[in-house]
Amino acid sequence: MGYKIKDIRESLGLTQEQLAEKSGVSRTIISGLENGTDRATTTKTLLKIASALGTTVDQFFLP
């Protein structure tokens, strides 16, 4: 899942810091999800990230 967040973020030209500001989710959490060190998070957090990226949560889980 995290690699998809990173792929989408990078395709939009956003840094982790910019995504954090846009989503209201800390950069530490975003970094942890992208790097696989944080494997569990809330649906609310994923919804905030997806909204900031202009996508839906289900996109994070597609191959």
PDB file of N, CA and C in Angstrom:
ATOM      1  N   MET A   1       0.821  -1.196   0.000  1.00  0.00           N
ATOM      2  CA  MET A   1       0.000   0.000   0.000  1.00  0.00           C
ATOM      3  C   MET A   1       0.865   1.259   0.000  1.00  0.00           C
ATOM      4  N   GLY A   2       1.895   1.276   0.833  1.00  0.00           N
ATOM      5  CA  GLY A   2       2.714   2.472   0.961  1.00  0.00           C
ATOM      6  C   GLY A   2       3.401   2.899  -0.323  1.00  0.00           C
ATOM      7  N   TYR A   3       3.841   1.907  -1.097  1.00  0.00           N
ATOM      8  CA  TYR A   3       4.521   2.260  -2.351  1.00  0.00           C
ATOM      9  C   TYR A   3       3.558   2.951  -3.312  1.00  0.00           C
ATOM     10  N   LYS A   4       2.264   2.596  -3.239  1.00  0.00           N
ATOM     11  CA  LYS A   4       1.276   3.249  -4.103  1.00  0.00           C
ATOM     12  C   LYS A   4       1.083   4.708  -3.688  1.00  0.00           C
ATOM     13  N   ILE A   5       1.053   4.951  -2.385  1.00  0.00           N
ATOM     14  CA  ILE A   5       0.947   6.333  -1.895  1.00  0.00           C
ATOM     15  C   ILE A   5       2.127   7.131  -2.430  1.00  0.00           C
ATOM     16  N   LYS A   6       3.305   6.556  -2.320  1.00  0.00           N
ATOM     17  CA  LYS A   6       4.516   7.235  -2.794  1.00  0.00           C
ATOM     18  C   LYS A   6       4.464   7.478  -4.297  1.00  0.00           C
ATOM     19  N   ASP A   7       4.056   6.460  -5.059  1.00  0.00           N
ATOM     20  CA  ASP A   7       3.962   6.602  -6.520  1.00  0.00           C
ATOM     21  C   ASP A   7       3.019   7.740  -6.908  1.00  0.00           C
ATOM     22  N   ILE A   8       1.845   7.765  -6.282  1.00  0.00           N
ATOM     23  CA  ILE A   8       0.863   8.807  -6.597  1.00  0.00           C
ATOM     24  C   ILE A   8       1.395  10.173  -6.188  1.00  0.00           C
ATOM     25  N   ARG A   9       1.971  10.249  -4.985  1.00  0.00           N
ATOM     26  CA  ARG A   9       2.519  11.523  -4.483  1.00  0.00           C
ATOM     27  C   ARG A   9       3.587  12.050  -5.432  1.00  0.00           C
ATOM     28  N   GLU A  10       4.515  11.185  -5.824  1.00  0.00           N
ATOM     29  CA  GLU A  10       5.605  11.613  -6.702  1.00  0.00           C
ATOM     30  C   GLU A  10       5.096  11.984  -8.094  1.00  0.00           C
ATOM     31  N   SER A  11       4.075  11.282  -8.580  1.00  0.00           N
ATOM     32  CA  SER A  11       3.534  11.607  -9.905  1.00  0.00           C
ATOM     33  C   SER A  11       2.886  12.990  -9.914  1.00  0.00           C
ATOM     34  N   LEU A  12       2.460  13.440  -8.736  1.00  0.00           N
ATOM     35  CA  LEU A  12       1.881  14.779  -8.611  1.00  0.00           C
ATOM     36  C   LEU A  12       2.941  15.839  -8.285  1.00  0.00           C
ATOM     37  N   GLY A  13       4.188  15.395  -8.125  1.00  0.00           N
ATOM     38  CA  GLY A  13       5.276  16.320  -7.835  1.00  0.00           C
ATOM     39  C   GLY A  13       5.249  16.871  -6.418  1.00  0.00           C
ATOM     40  N   LEU A  14       4.674  16.107  -5.498  1.00  0.00           N
ATOM     41  CA  LEU A  14       4.593  16.564  -4.109  1.00  0.00           C
ATOM     42  C   LEU A  14       5.682  15.918  -3.255  1.00  0.00           C
ATOM     43  N   THR A  15       6.188  16.676  -2.304  1.00  0.00           N
ATOM     44  CA  THR A  15       7.097  16.116  -1.314  1.00  0.00           C
ATOM     45  C   THR A  15       6.252  15.538  -0.174  1.00  0.00           C
ATOM     46  N   GLN A  16       6.885  14.771   0.684  1.00  0.00           N
ATOM     47  CA  GLN A  16       6.168  14.253   1.854  1.00  0.00           C
ATOM     48  C   GLN A  16       5.666  15.407   2.712  1.00  0.00           C
ATOM     49  N   GLU A  17       6.461  16.437   2.836  1.00  0.00           N
ATOM     50  CA  GLU A  17       6.075  17.605   3.640  1.00  0.00           C
ATOM     51  C   GLU A  17       4.841  18.296   3.043  1.00  0.00           C
ATOM     52  N   GLN A  18       4.823  18.443   1.736  1.00  0.00           N
ATOM     53  CA  GLN A  18       3.672  19.069   1.083  1.00  0.00           C
ATOM     54  C   GLN A  18       2.410  18.227   1.250  1.00  0.00           C
ATOM     55  N   LEU A  19       2.550  16.917   1.132  1.00  0.00           N
ATOM     56  CA  LEU A  19       1.411  16.025   1.336  1.00  0.00           C
ATOM     57  C   LEU A  19       0.933  16.104   2.787  1.00  0.00           C
ATOM     58  N   ALA A  20       1.862  16.199   3.703  1.00  0.00           N
ATOM     59  CA  ALA A  20       1.503  16.316   5.113  1.00  0.00           C
ATOM     60  C   ALA A  20       0.677  17.583   5.358  1.00  0.00           C
ATOM     61  N   GLU A  21       1.120  18.682   4.799  1.00  0.00           N
ATOM     62  CA  GLU A  21       0.394  19.948   4.960  1.00  0.00           C
ATOM     63  C   GLU A  21      -0.988  19.870   4.322  1.00  0.00           C
ATOM     64  N   LYS A  22      -1.061  19.302   3.136  1.00  0.00           N
ATOM     65  CA  LYS A  22      -2.317  19.205   2.400  1.00  0.00           C
ATOM     66  C   LYS A  22      -3.325  18.277   3.064  1.00  0.00           C
ATOM     67  N   SER A  23      -2.819  17.204   3.669  1.00  0.00           N
ATOM     68  CA  SER A  23      -3.697  16.180   4.229  1.00  0.00           C
ATOM     69  C   SER A  23      -3.982  16.344   5.720  1.00  0.00           C
ATOM     70  N   GLY A  24      -3.102  17.059   6.414  1.00  0.00           N
ATOM     71  CA  GLY A  24      -3.255  17.161   7.859  1.00  0.00           C
ATOM     72  C   GLY A  24      -2.724  15.937   8.592  1.00  0.00           C
ATOM     73  N   VAL A  25      -1.960  15.118   7.882  1.00  0.00           N
ATOM     74  CA  VAL A  25      -1.340  13.920   8.454  1.00  0.00           C
ATOM     75  C   VAL A  25       0.147  14.215   8.596  1.00  0.00           C
ATOM     76  N   SER A  26       0.743  13.818   9.710  1.00  0.00           N
ATOM     77  CA  SER A  26       2.150  14.153   9.930  1.00  0.00           C
ATOM     78  C   SER A  26       3.057  13.506   8.882  1.00  0.00           C
ATOM     79  N   ARG A  27       4.167  14.177   8.589  1.00  0.00           N
ATOM     80  CA  ARG A  27       5.140  13.653   7.635  1.00  0.00           C
ATOM     81  C   ARG A  27       5.704  12.331   8.138  1.00  0.00           C
ATOM     82  N   THR A  28       5.838  12.190   9.443  1.00  0.00           N
ATOM     83  CA  THR A  28       6.361  10.955  10.036  1.00  0.00           C
ATOM     84  C   THR A  28       5.468   9.765   9.694  1.00  0.00           C
ATOM     85  N   ILE A  29       4.159   9.965   9.774  1.00  0.00           N
ATOM     86  CA  ILE A  29       3.216   8.887   9.443  1.00  0.00           C
ATOM     87  C   ILE A  29       3.289   8.575   7.951  1.00  0.00           C
ATOM     88  N   ILE A  30       3.319   9.600   7.121  1.00  0.00           N
ATOM     89  CA  ILE A  30       3.409   9.396   5.666  1.00  0.00           C
ATOM     90  C   ILE A  30       4.689   8.649   5.319  1.00  0.00           C
ATOM     91  N   SER A  31       5.785   9.062   5.903  1.00  0.00           N
ATOM     92  CA  SER A  31       7.068   8.406   5.664  1.00  0.00           C
ATOM     93  C   SER A  31       7.017   6.942   6.097  1.00  0.00           C
ATOM     94  N   GLY A  32       6.456   6.691   7.260  1.00  0.00           N
ATOM     95  CA  GLY A  32       6.357   5.322   7.764  1.00  0.00           C
ATOM     96  C   GLY A  32       5.513   4.435   6.865  1.00  0.00           C
ATOM     97  N   LEU A  33       4.412   4.977   6.361  1.00  0.00           N
ATOM     98  CA  LEU A  33       3.563   4.204   5.448  1.00  0.00           C
ATOM     99  C   LEU A  33       4.293   3.920   4.141  1.00  0.00           C
ATOM    100  N   GLU A  34       4.941   4.933   3.593  1.00  0.00           N
ATOM    101  CA  GLU A  34       5.638   4.767   2.317  1.00  0.00           C
ATOM    102  C   GLU A  34       6.811   3.796   2.426  1.00  0.00           C
ATOM    103  N   ASN A  35       7.497   3.804   3.555  1.00  0.00           N
ATOM    104  CA  ASN A  35       8.682   2.963   3.718  1.00  0.00           C
ATOM    105  C   ASN A  35       8.371   1.587   4.294  1.00  0.00           C
ATOM    106  N   GLY A  36       7.117   1.366   4.674  1.00  0.00           N
ATOM    107  CA  GLY A  36       6.729   0.070   5.203  1.00  0.00           C
ATOM    108  C   GLY A  36       7.033  -0.141   6.671  1.00  0.00           C
ATOM    109  N   THR A  37       7.552   0.877   7.342  1.00  0.00           N
ATOM    110  CA  THR A  37       7.841   0.730   8.769  1.00  0.00           C
ATOM    111  C   THR A  37       6.578   0.892   9.606  1.00  0.00           C
ATOM    112  N   ASP A  38       5.590   1.578   9.066  1.00  0.00           N
ATOM    113  CA  ASP A  38       4.289   1.778   9.703  1.00  0.00           C
ATOM    114  C   ASP A  38       3.272   1.002   8.869  1.00  0.00           C
ATOM    115  N   ARG A  39       2.895  -0.161   9.312  1.00  0.00           N
ATOM    116  CA  ARG A  39       2.003  -1.000   8.509  1.00  0.00           C
ATOM    117  C   ARG A  39       0.540  -0.838   8.888  1.00  0.00           C
ATOM    118  N   ALA A  40       0.261  -0.259  10.041  1.00  0.00           N
ATOM    119  CA  ALA A  40      -1.121  -0.094  10.479  1.00  0.00           C
ATOM    120  C   ALA A  40      -1.442   1.387  10.621  1.00  0.00           C
ATOM    121  N   THR A  41      -2.600   1.759  10.139  1.00  0.00           N
ATOM    122  CA  THR A  41      -3.062   3.135  10.294  1.00  0.00           C
ATOM    123  C   THR A  41      -4.584   3.116  10.284  1.00  0.00           C
ATOM    124  N   THR A  42      -5.175   4.241  10.554  1.00  0.00           N
ATOM    125  CA  THR A  42      -6.632   4.302  10.602  1.00  0.00           C
ATOM    126  C   THR A  42      -7.219   4.599   9.224  1.00  0.00           C
ATOM    127  N   THR A  43      -8.457   4.242   9.068  1.00  0.00           N
ATOM    128  CA  THR A  43      -9.181   4.559   7.841  1.00  0.00           C
ATOM    129  C   THR A  43      -9.245   6.070   7.658  1.00  0.00           C
ATOM    130  N   LYS A  44      -9.413   6.782   8.752  1.00  0.00           N
ATOM    131  CA  LYS A  44      -9.492   8.245   8.710  1.00  0.00           C
ATOM    132  C   LYS A  44      -8.208   8.836   8.112  1.00  0.00           C
ATOM    133  N   THR A  45      -7.068   8.309   8.528  1.00  0.00           N
ATOM    134  CA  THR A  45      -5.788   8.788   8.008  1.00  0.00           C
ATOM    135  C   THR A  45      -5.677   8.508   6.512  1.00  0.00           C
ATOM    136  N   LEU A  46      -6.047   7.301   6.096  1.00  0.00           N
ATOM    137  CA  LEU A  46      -5.987   6.959   4.673  1.00  0.00           C
ATOM    138  C   LEU A  46      -6.930   7.829   3.853  1.00  0.00           C
ATOM    139  N   LEU A  47      -8.103   8.129   4.400  1.00  0.00           N
ATOM    140  CA  LEU A  47      -9.050   9.008   3.707  1.00  0.00           C
ATOM    141  C   LEU A  47      -8.476  10.413   3.523  1.00  0.00           C
ATOM    142  N   LYS A  48      -7.792  10.923   4.536  1.00  0.00           N
ATOM    143  CA  LYS A  48      -7.175  12.253   4.446  1.00  0.00           C
ATOM    144  C   LYS A  48      -6.085  12.277   3.376  1.00  0.00           C
ATOM    145  N   ILE A  49      -5.249  11.236   3.361  1.00  0.00           N
ATOM    146  CA  ILE A  49      -4.169  11.161   2.371  1.00  0.00           C
ATOM    147  C   ILE A  49      -4.750  11.034   0.966  1.00  0.00           C
ATOM    148  N   ALA A  50      -5.732  10.153   0.807  1.00  0.00           N
ATOM    149  CA  ALA A  50      -6.354   9.959  -0.505  1.00  0.00           C
ATOM    150  C   ALA A  50      -6.979  11.254  -1.010  1.00  0.00           C
ATOM    151  N   SER A  51      -7.681  11.947  -0.143  1.00  0.00           N
ATOM    152  CA  SER A  51      -8.321  13.206  -0.531  1.00  0.00           C
ATOM    153  C   SER A  51      -7.282  14.231  -0.975  1.00  0.00           C
ATOM    154  N   ALA A  52      -6.190  14.330  -0.234  1.00  0.00           N
ATOM    155  CA  ALA A  52      -5.129  15.279  -0.577  1.00  0.00           C
ATOM    156  C   ALA A  52      -4.476  14.930  -1.909  1.00  0.00           C
ATOM    157  N   LEU A  53      -4.466  13.642  -2.250  1.00  0.00           N
ATOM    158  CA  LEU A  53      -3.873  13.199  -3.515  1.00  0.00           C
ATOM    159  C   LEU A  53      -4.892  13.179  -4.653  1.00  0.00           C
ATOM    160  N   GLY A  54      -6.139  13.502  -4.351  1.00  0.00           N
ATOM    161  CA  GLY A  54      -7.169  13.521  -5.378  1.00  0.00           C
ATOM    162  C   GLY A  54      -7.544  12.145  -5.866  1.00  0.00           C
ATOM    163  N   THR A  55      -7.507  11.173  -4.965  1.00  0.00           N
ATOM    164  CA  THR A  55      -7.819   9.795  -5.335  1.00  0.00           C
ATOM    165  C   THR A  55      -8.679   9.164  -4.255  1.00  0.00           C
ATOM    166  N   THR A  56      -8.875   7.867  -4.357  1.00  0.00           N
ATOM    167  CA  THR A  56      -9.645   7.135  -3.356  1.00  0.00           C
ATOM    168  C   THR A  56      -8.750   6.114  -2.670  1.00  0.00           C
ATOM    169  N   VAL A  57      -9.147   5.696  -1.482  1.00  0.00           N
ATOM    170  CA  VAL A  57      -8.340   4.749  -0.704  1.00  0.00           C
ATOM    171  C   VAL A  57      -8.141   3.444  -1.463  1.00  0.00           C
ATOM    172  N   ASP A  58      -9.141   2.991  -2.196  1.00  0.00           N
ATOM    173  CA  ASP A  58      -9.000   1.721  -2.889  1.00  0.00           C
ATOM    174  C   ASP A  58      -7.850   1.731  -3.903  1.00  0.00           C
ATOM    175  N   GLN A  59      -7.481   2.886  -4.403  1.00  0.00           N
ATOM    176  CA  GLN A  59      -6.347   2.996  -5.333  1.00  0.00           C
ATOM    177  C   GLN A  59      -5.030   2.587  -4.669  1.00  0.00           C
ATOM    178  N   PHE A  60      -4.947   2.737  -3.352  1.00  0.00           N
ATOM    179  CA  PHE A  60      -3.727   2.372  -2.624  1.00  0.00           C
ATOM    180  C   PHE A  60      -3.510   0.853  -2.592  1.00  0.00           C
ATOM    181  N   PHE A  61      -4.584   0.098  -2.817  1.00  0.00           N
ATOM    182  CA  PHE A  61      -4.523  -1.351  -2.684  1.00  0.00           C
ATOM    183  C   PHE A  61      -4.566  -2.089  -4.010  1.00  0.00           C
ATOM    184  N   LEU A  62      -4.624  -1.348  -5.100  1.00  0.00           N
ATOM    185  CA  LEU A  62      -4.610  -1.980  -6.422  1.00  0.00           C
ATOM    186  C   LEU A  62      -3.193  -2.352  -6.810  1.00  0.00           C
ATOM    187  N   PRO A  63      -3.042  -3.465  -7.550  1.00  0.00           N
ATOM    188  CA  PRO A  63      -1.680  -3.889  -7.952  1.00  0.00           C
ATOM    189  C   PRO A  63      -1.052  -2.935  -8.944  1.00  0.00           C
TER     190      PRO A  63
END
